PDB file of all heavy atoms in Angstrom:
ATOM      1  N   THR A   1     107.074  86.138 102.098  1.00  0.00           N
ATOM      2  CA  THR A   1     107.470  87.410 102.715  1.00  0.00           C
ATOM      3  C   THR A   1     107.647  88.428 101.723  1.00  0.00           C
ATOM      4  O   THR A   1     108.087  88.148 100.597  1.00  0.00           O
ATOM      5  CB  THR A   1     108.657  87.184 103.816  1.00  0.00           C
ATOM      6  OG1 THR A   1     108.733  88.361 104.631  1.00  0.00           O
ATOM      7  CG2 THR A   1     109.854  86.854 103.031  1.00  0.00           C
ATOM      8  N   ILE A   2     107.546  89.745 102.064  1.00  0.00           N
ATOM      9  CA  ILE A   2     107.789  90.778 101.116  1.00  0.00           C
ATOM     10  C   ILE A   2     108.355  92.047 101.883  1.00  0.00           C
ATOM     11  O   ILE A   2     108.087  92.339 103.125  1.00  0.00           O
ATOM     12  CB  ILE A   2     106.445  91.189 100.495  1.00  0.00           C
ATOM     13  CG1 ILE A   2     106.523  92.098  99.449  1.00  0.00           C
ATOM     14  CG2 ILE A   2     105.347  91.698 101.583  1.00  0.00           C
ATOM     15  CD1 ILE A   2     105.318  92.397  98.565  1.00  0.00           C
ATOM     16  N   SER A   3     109.261  92.706 101.225  1.00  0.00           N
ATOM     17  CA  SER A   3     109.884  93.892 101.875  1.00  0.00           C
ATOM     18  C   SER A   3     108.862  95.163 101.905  1.00  0.00           C
ATOM     19  O   SER A   3     107.740  95.013 101.369  1.00  0.00           O
ATOM     20  CB  SER A   3     111.119  94.343 101.000  1.00  0.00           C
ATOM     21  OG  SER A   3     110.677  94.759  99.693  1.00  0.00           O
ATOM     22  N   TRP A   4     109.252  96.164 102.482  1.00  0.00           N
ATOM     23  CA  TRP A   4     108.375  97.246 102.807  1.00  0.00           C
ATOM     24  C   TRP A   4     107.745  97.994 101.538  1.00  0.00           C
ATOM     25  O   TRP A   4     106.645  98.298 101.593  1.00  0.00           O
ATOM     26  CB  TRP A   4     109.170  98.256 103.570  1.00  0.00           C
ATOM     27  CG  TRP A   4     110.257  98.978 102.705  1.00  0.00           C
ATOM     28  CD1 TRP A   4     111.422  98.583 102.406  1.00  0.00           C
ATOM     29  CD2 TRP A   4     110.038 100.268 102.021  1.00  0.00           C
ATOM     30  NE1 TRP A   4     112.153  99.616 101.511  1.00  0.00           N
ATOM     31  CE2 TRP A   4     111.267 100.576 101.457  1.00  0.00           C
ATOM     32  CE3 TRP A   4     109.030 101.330 102.155  1.00  0.00           C
ATOM     33  CZ2 TRP A   4     111.402 101.762 100.634  1.00  0.00           C
ATOM     34  CZ3 TRP A   4     109.219 102.435 101.345  1.00  0.00           C
ATOM     35  CH2 TRP A   4     110.529 102.589 100.653  1.00  0.00           C
ATOM     36  N   ASN A   5     108.519  97.902 100.481  1.00  0.00           N
ATOM     37  CA  ASN A   5     107.971  98.541  99.181  1.00  0.00           C
ATOM     38  C   ASN A   5     107.666  97.482  98.105  1.00  0.00           C
ATOM     39  O   ASN A   5     107.447  97.884  97.011  1.00  0.00           O
ATOM     40  CB  ASN A   5     109.171  99.380  98.667  1.00  0.00           C
ATOM     41  CG  ASN A   5     110.456  98.785  98.415  1.00  0.00           C
ATOM     42  OD1 ASN A   5     110.599  97.575  98.636  1.00  0.00           O
ATOM     43  ND2 ASN A   5     111.404  99.479  97.832  1.00  0.00           N
ATOM     44  N   GLY A   6     107.655  96.050  98.515  1.00  0.00           N
ATOM     45  CA  GLY A   6     107.340  95.193  97.549  1.00  0.00           C
ATOM     46  C   GLY A   6     108.349  94.774  96.581  1.00  0.00           C
ATOM     47  O   GLY A   6     108.173  93.903  95.897  1.00  0.00           O
ATOM     48  N   ALA A   7     109.553  95.397  96.671  1.00  0.00           N
ATOM     49  CA  ALA A   7     110.630  95.074  95.678  1.00  0.00           C
ATOM     50  C   ALA A   7     111.209  93.743  95.982  1.00  0.00           C
ATOM     51  O   ALA A   7     111.820  93.141  94.958  1.00  0.00           O
ATOM     52  CB  ALA A   7     111.772  96.136  95.913  1.00  0.00           C
ATOM     53  N   ILE A   8     111.200  93.122  97.162  1.00  0.00           N
ATOM     54  CA  ILE A   8     111.877  91.908  97.370  1.00  0.00           C
ATOM     55  C   ILE A   8     110.789  90.920  98.047  1.00  0.00           C
ATOM     56  O   ILE A   8     110.179  91.162  98.977  1.00  0.00           O
ATOM     57  CB  ILE A   8     113.077  92.019  98.507  1.00  0.00           C
ATOM     58  CG1 ILE A   8     114.101  93.075  97.992  1.00  0.00           C
ATOM     59  CG2 ILE A   8     113.690  90.634  98.733  1.00  0.00           C
ATOM     60  CD1 ILE A   8     115.105  93.413  98.968  1.00  0.00           C
ATOM     61  N   THR A   9     110.823  89.754  97.543  1.00  0.00           N
ATOM     62  CA  THR A   9     109.881  88.655  97.883  1.00  0.00           C
ATOM     63  C   THR A   9     110.632  87.366  97.990  1.00  0.00           C
ATOM     64  O   THR A   9     111.589  87.127  97.251  1.00  0.00           O
ATOM     65  CB  THR A   9     108.635  88.489  97.073  1.00  0.00           C
ATOM     66  OG1 THR A   9     109.187  88.194  95.630  1.00  0.00           O
ATOM     67  CG2 THR A   9     107.941  89.780  96.976  1.00  0.00           C
ATOM     68  N   TYR A  10     110.101  86.522  98.833  1.00  0.00           N
ATOM     69  CA  TYR A  10     110.731  85.136  98.936  1.00  0.00           C
ATOM     70  C   TYR A  10     109.459  84.227  99.205  1.00  0.00           C
ATOM     71  O   TYR A  10     108.460  84.485  99.863  1.00  0.00           O
ATOM     72  CB  TYR A  10     111.699  84.973 100.216  1.00  0.00           C
ATOM     73  CG  TYR A  10     112.903  85.814 100.007  1.00  0.00           C
ATOM     74  CD1 TYR A  10     113.056  86.951 100.785  1.00  0.00           C
ATOM     75  CD2 TYR A  10     113.956  85.510  99.039  1.00  0.00           C
ATOM     76  CE1 TYR A  10     114.270  87.852 100.651  1.00  0.00           C
ATOM     77  CE2 TYR A  10     115.083  86.148  98.965  1.00  0.00           C
ATOM     78  CZ  TYR A  10     115.181  87.328  99.757  1.00  0.00           C
ATOM     79  OH  TYR A  10     116.336  88.256  99.534  1.00  0.00           O
ATOM     80  N   TYR A  11     109.651  83.040  98.719  1.00  0.00           N
ATOM     81  CA  TYR A  11     108.584  82.006  98.899  1.00  0.00           C
ATOM     82  C   TYR A  11     109.022  80.626  99.339  1.00  0.00           C
ATOM     83  O   TYR A  11     110.229  80.368  99.053  1.00  0.00           O
ATOM     84  CB  TYR A  11     107.852  81.833  97.551  1.00  0.00           C
ATOM     85  CG  TYR A  11     107.183  83.074  96.997  1.00  0.00           C
ATOM     86  CD1 TYR A  11     107.848  83.908  96.182  1.00  0.00           C
ATOM     87  CD2 TYR A  11     105.822  83.335  97.188  1.00  0.00           C
ATOM     88  CE1 TYR A  11     107.258  84.966  95.594  1.00  0.00           C
ATOM     89  CE2 TYR A  11     105.163  84.318  96.728  1.00  0.00           C
ATOM     90  CZ  TYR A  11     105.920  85.268  95.983  1.00  0.00           C
ATOM     91  OH  TYR A  11     105.260  86.407  95.415  1.00  0.00           O
ATOM     92  N   ALA A  12     108.169  79.918 100.031  1.00  0.00           N
ATOM     93  CA  ALA A  12     108.606  78.505 100.373  1.00  0.00           C
ATOM     94  C   ALA A  12     108.552  77.726  99.053  1.00  0.00           C
ATOM     95  O   ALA A  12     107.710  78.047  98.204  1.00  0.00           O
ATOM     96  CB  ALA A  12     107.459  77.969 101.412  1.00  0.00           C
ATOM     97  N   ASP A  13     109.393  76.722  98.986  1.00  0.00           N
ATOM     98  CA  ASP A  13     109.422  75.928  97.854  1.00  0.00           C
ATOM     99  C   ASP A  13     108.135  75.230  97.479  1.00  0.00           C
ATOM    100  O   ASP A  13     107.784  75.096  96.312  1.00  0.00           O
ATOM    101  CB  ASP A  13     110.583  74.791  98.005  1.00  0.00           C
ATOM    102  CG  ASP A  13     111.936  75.286  97.993  1.00  0.00           C
ATOM    103  OD1 ASP A  13     112.201  76.493  97.485  1.00  0.00           O
ATOM    104  OD2 ASP A  13     112.882  74.699  98.462  1.00  0.00           O
ATOM    105  N   SER A  14     107.401  74.973  98.454  1.00  0.00           N
ATOM    106  CA  SER A  14     106.087  74.284  98.349  1.00  0.00           C
ATOM    107  C   SER A  14     104.994  75.152  97.620  1.00  0.00           C
ATOM    108  O   SER A  14     104.106  74.538  97.018  1.00  0.00           O
ATOM    109  CB  SER A  14     105.581  73.741  99.722  1.00  0.00           C
ATOM    110  OG  SER A  14     105.373  74.873 100.554  1.00  0.00           O
ATOM    111  N   VAL A  15     105.137  76.458  97.651  1.00  0.00           N
ATOM    112  CA  VAL A  15     104.269  77.374  96.985  1.00  0.00           C
ATOM    113  C   VAL A  15     104.762  78.185  95.858  1.00  0.00           C
ATOM    114  O   VAL A  15     104.009  78.794  95.177  1.00  0.00           O
ATOM    115  CB  VAL A  15     103.643  78.256  97.961  1.00  0.00           C
ATOM    116  CG1 VAL A  15     102.931  77.394  99.187  1.00  0.00           C
ATOM    117  CG2 VAL A  15     104.662  79.354  98.463  1.00  0.00           C
ATOM    118  N   LYS A  16     106.065  78.119  95.620  1.00  0.00           N
ATOM    119  CA  LYS A  16     106.730  78.912  94.600  1.00  0.00           C
ATOM    120  C   LYS A  16     106.154  78.663  93.234  1.00  0.00           C
ATOM    121  O   LYS A  16     105.965  77.467  92.762  1.00  0.00           O
ATOM    122  CB  LYS A  16     108.101  78.817  94.576  1.00  0.00           C
ATOM    123  CG  LYS A  16     108.911  79.759  93.779  1.00  0.00           C
ATOM    124  CD  LYS A  16     110.485  79.547  93.898  1.00  0.00           C
ATOM    125  CE  LYS A  16     111.291  80.586  93.073  1.00  0.00           C
ATOM    126  NZ  LYS A  16     112.719  80.606  93.288  1.00  0.00           N
ATOM    127  N   GLY A  17     105.804  79.633  92.456  1.00  0.00           N
ATOM    128  CA  GLY A  17     105.250  79.491  91.133  1.00  0.00           C
ATOM    129  C   GLY A  17     103.644  79.470  91.155  1.00  0.00           C
ATOM    130  O   GLY A  17     103.115  79.537  90.092  1.00  0.00           O
ATOM    131  N   ARG A  18     103.027  79.166  92.241  1.00  0.00           N
ATOM    132  CA  ARG A  18     101.600  79.063  92.569  1.00  0.00           C
ATOM    133  C   ARG A  18     100.951  80.301  93.307  1.00  0.00           C
ATOM    134  O   ARG A  18      99.971  80.671  93.106  1.00  0.00           O
ATOM    135  CB  ARG A  18     101.253  77.766  93.271  1.00  0.00           C
ATOM    136  CG  ARG A  18     101.678  76.534  92.345  1.00  0.00           C
ATOM    137  CD  ARG A  18     101.065  75.309  93.095  1.00  0.00           C
ATOM    138  NE  ARG A  18     101.566  75.084  94.439  1.00  0.00           N
ATOM    139  CZ  ARG A  18     100.775  74.968  95.504  1.00  0.00           C
ATOM    140  NH1 ARG A  18      99.457  75.154  95.388  1.00  0.00           N
ATOM    141  NH2 ARG A  18     101.281  74.861  96.734  1.00  0.00           N
ATOM    142  N   PHE A  19     101.737  80.716  94.342  1.00  0.00           N
ATOM    143  CA  PHE A  19     101.285  81.837  95.191  1.00  0.00           C
ATOM    144  C   PHE A  19     101.944  83.099  94.776  1.00  0.00           C
ATOM    145  O   PHE A  19     103.216  83.041  94.466  1.00  0.00           O
ATOM    146  CB  PHE A  19     101.481  81.498  96.650  1.00  0.00           C
ATOM    147  CG  PHE A  19     100.678  80.344  97.255  1.00  0.00           C
ATOM    148  CD1 PHE A  19      99.920  79.533  96.414  1.00  0.00           C
ATOM    149  CD2 PHE A  19     100.703  80.131  98.486  1.00  0.00           C
ATOM    150  CE1 PHE A  19      99.133  78.648  96.861  1.00  0.00           C
ATOM    151  CE2 PHE A  19      99.916  79.177  99.128  1.00  0.00           C
ATOM    152  CZ  PHE A  19      99.116  78.329  98.317  1.00  0.00           C
ATOM    153  N   THR A  20     101.410  84.216  95.108  1.00  0.00           N
ATOM    154  CA  THR A  20     102.016  85.527  94.739  1.00  0.00           C
ATOM    155  C   THR A  20     101.696  86.509  96.010  1.00  0.00           C
ATOM    156  O   THR A  20     100.563  86.734  96.246  1.00  0.00           O
ATOM    157  CB  THR A  20     101.573  86.282  93.493  1.00  0.00           C
ATOM    158  OG1 THR A  20     101.889  85.362  92.406  1.00  0.00           O
ATOM    159  CG2 THR A  20     102.427  87.509  93.296  1.00  0.00           C
ATOM    160  N   ILE A  21     102.674  86.965  96.609  1.00  0.00           N
ATOM    161  CA  ILE A  21     102.606  87.976  97.672  1.00  0.00           C
ATOM    162  C   ILE A  21     102.683  89.322  97.070  1.00  0.00           C
ATOM    163  O   ILE A  21     103.575  89.628  96.360  1.00  0.00           O
ATOM    164  CB  ILE A  21     103.494  87.743  98.840  1.00  0.00           C
ATOM    165  CG1 ILE A  21     103.216  88.640 100.147  1.00  0.00           C
ATOM    166  CG2 ILE A  21     104.854  87.913  98.438  1.00  0.00           C
ATOM    167  CD1 ILE A  21     103.969  88.391 101.327  1.00  0.00           C
ATOM    168  N   SER A  22     101.801  90.239  97.575  1.00  0.00           N
ATOM    169  CA  SER A  22     101.874  91.686  97.133  1.00  0.00           C
ATOM    170  C   SER A  22     101.314  92.519  98.237  1.00  0.00           C
ATOM    171  O   SER A  22     100.769  92.001  99.199  1.00  0.00           O
ATOM    172  CB  SER A  22     101.122  91.787  95.858  1.00  0.00           C
ATOM    173  OG  SER A  22      99.699  91.540  96.088  1.00  0.00           O
ATOM    174  N   ARG A  23     101.527  93.882  97.934  1.00  0.00           N
ATOM    175  CA  ARG A  23     101.056  94.720  99.065  1.00  0.00           C
ATOM    176  C   ARG A  23     100.566  96.068  98.413  1.00  0.00           C
ATOM    177  O   ARG A  23     101.065  96.399  97.281  1.00  0.00           O
ATOM    178  CB  ARG A  23     102.089  95.063 100.053  1.00  0.00           C
ATOM    179  CG  ARG A  23     103.369  95.703  99.639  1.00  0.00           C
ATOM    180  CD  ARG A  23     104.393  95.675 100.598  1.00  0.00           C
ATOM    181  NE  ARG A  23     104.080  96.349 101.860  1.00  0.00           N
ATOM    182  CZ  ARG A  23     104.710  96.266 103.007  1.00  0.00           C
ATOM    183  NH1 ARG A  23     105.627  95.295 103.183  1.00  0.00           N
ATOM    184  NH2 ARG A  23     104.200  96.860 104.092  1.00  0.00           N
ATOM    185  N   ASP A  24      99.716  96.854  99.120  1.00  0.00           N
ATOM    186  CA  ASP A  24      99.279  98.131  98.669  1.00  0.00           C
ATOM    187  C   ASP A  24      99.322  98.964  99.819  1.00  0.00           C
ATOM    188  O   ASP A  24      98.426  99.065 100.625  1.00  0.00           O
ATOM    189  CB  ASP A  24      97.852  98.052  98.006  1.00  0.00           C
ATOM    190  CG  ASP A  24      97.439  99.347  97.414  1.00  0.00           C
ATOM    191  OD1 ASP A  24      97.956 100.400  97.691  1.00  0.00           O
ATOM    192  OD2 ASP A  24      96.533  99.399  96.570  1.00  0.00           O
ATOM    193  N   ASN A  25     100.427  99.752  99.989  1.00  0.00           N
ATOM    194  CA  ASN A  25     100.682 100.529 101.159  1.00  0.00           C
ATOM    195  C   ASN A  25      99.633 101.618 101.360  1.00  0.00           C
ATOM    196  O   ASN A  25      99.281 102.062 102.396  1.00  0.00           O
ATOM    197  CB  ASN A  25     102.120 101.077 101.290  1.00  0.00           C
ATOM    198  CG  ASN A  25     103.105 100.060 101.590  1.00  0.00           C
ATOM    199  OD1 ASN A  25     102.796  98.902 102.015  1.00  0.00           O
ATOM    200  ND2 ASN A  25     104.292 100.241 101.314  1.00  0.00           N
ATOM    201  N   ALA A  26      99.170 102.184 100.146  1.00  0.00           N
ATOM    202  CA  ALA A  26      98.118 103.292 100.111  1.00  0.00           C
ATOM    203  C   ALA A  26      96.829 102.812 100.861  1.00  0.00           C
ATOM    204  O   ALA A  26      96.170 103.569 101.423  1.00  0.00           O
ATOM    205  CB  ALA A  26      97.988 103.769  98.758  1.00  0.00           C
ATOM    206  N   LYS A  27      96.515 101.451 100.640  1.00  0.00           N
ATOM    207  CA  LYS A  27      95.430 100.869 101.233  1.00  0.00           C
ATOM    208  C   LYS A  27      95.654 100.114 102.505  1.00  0.00           C
ATOM    209  O   LYS A  27      94.750  99.602 103.139  1.00  0.00           O
ATOM    210  CB  LYS A  27      94.768  99.846 100.168  1.00  0.00           C
ATOM    211  CG  LYS A  27      94.211 100.568  98.916  1.00  0.00           C
ATOM    212  CD  LYS A  27      93.626  99.476  97.962  1.00  0.00           C
ATOM    213  CE  LYS A  27      92.984 100.187  96.814  1.00  0.00           C
ATOM    214  NZ  LYS A  27      92.372  99.211  95.907  1.00  0.00           N
ATOM    215  N   ASN A  28      96.892 100.102 102.998  1.00  0.00           N
ATOM    216  CA  ASN A  28      97.352  99.498 104.153  1.00  0.00           C
ATOM    217  C   ASN A  28      96.872  98.014 104.182  1.00  0.00           C
ATOM    218  O   ASN A  28      96.387  97.443 105.207  1.00  0.00           O
ATOM    219  CB  ASN A  28      96.677 100.250 105.379  1.00  0.00           C
ATOM    220  CG  ASN A  28      97.744 100.399 106.482  1.00  0.00           C
ATOM    221  OD1 ASN A  28      98.898 100.482 106.264  1.00  0.00           O
ATOM    222  ND2 ASN A  28      97.198 100.625 107.653  1.00  0.00           N
ATOM    223  N   THR A  29      97.111  97.435 103.080  1.00  0.00           N
ATOM    224  CA  THR A  29      96.750  95.975 102.872  1.00  0.00           C
ATOM    225  C   THR A  29      97.838  95.150 102.264  1.00  0.00           C
ATOM    226  O   THR A  29      98.397  95.593 101.351  1.00  0.00           O
ATOM    227  CB  THR A  29      95.476  95.932 101.974  1.00  0.00           C
ATOM    228  OG1 THR A  29      94.567  96.860 102.653  1.00  0.00           O
ATOM    229  CG2 THR A  29      94.903  94.595 101.904  1.00  0.00           C
TER     230      THR A  29
END
């Protein structure tokens, strides 16, 4: 999960270190 501006993220233990969540609000993606 990720905060509105991308500043805060949390991951499940099973994926931490392997997955990265990010966002581009300008692209609405």
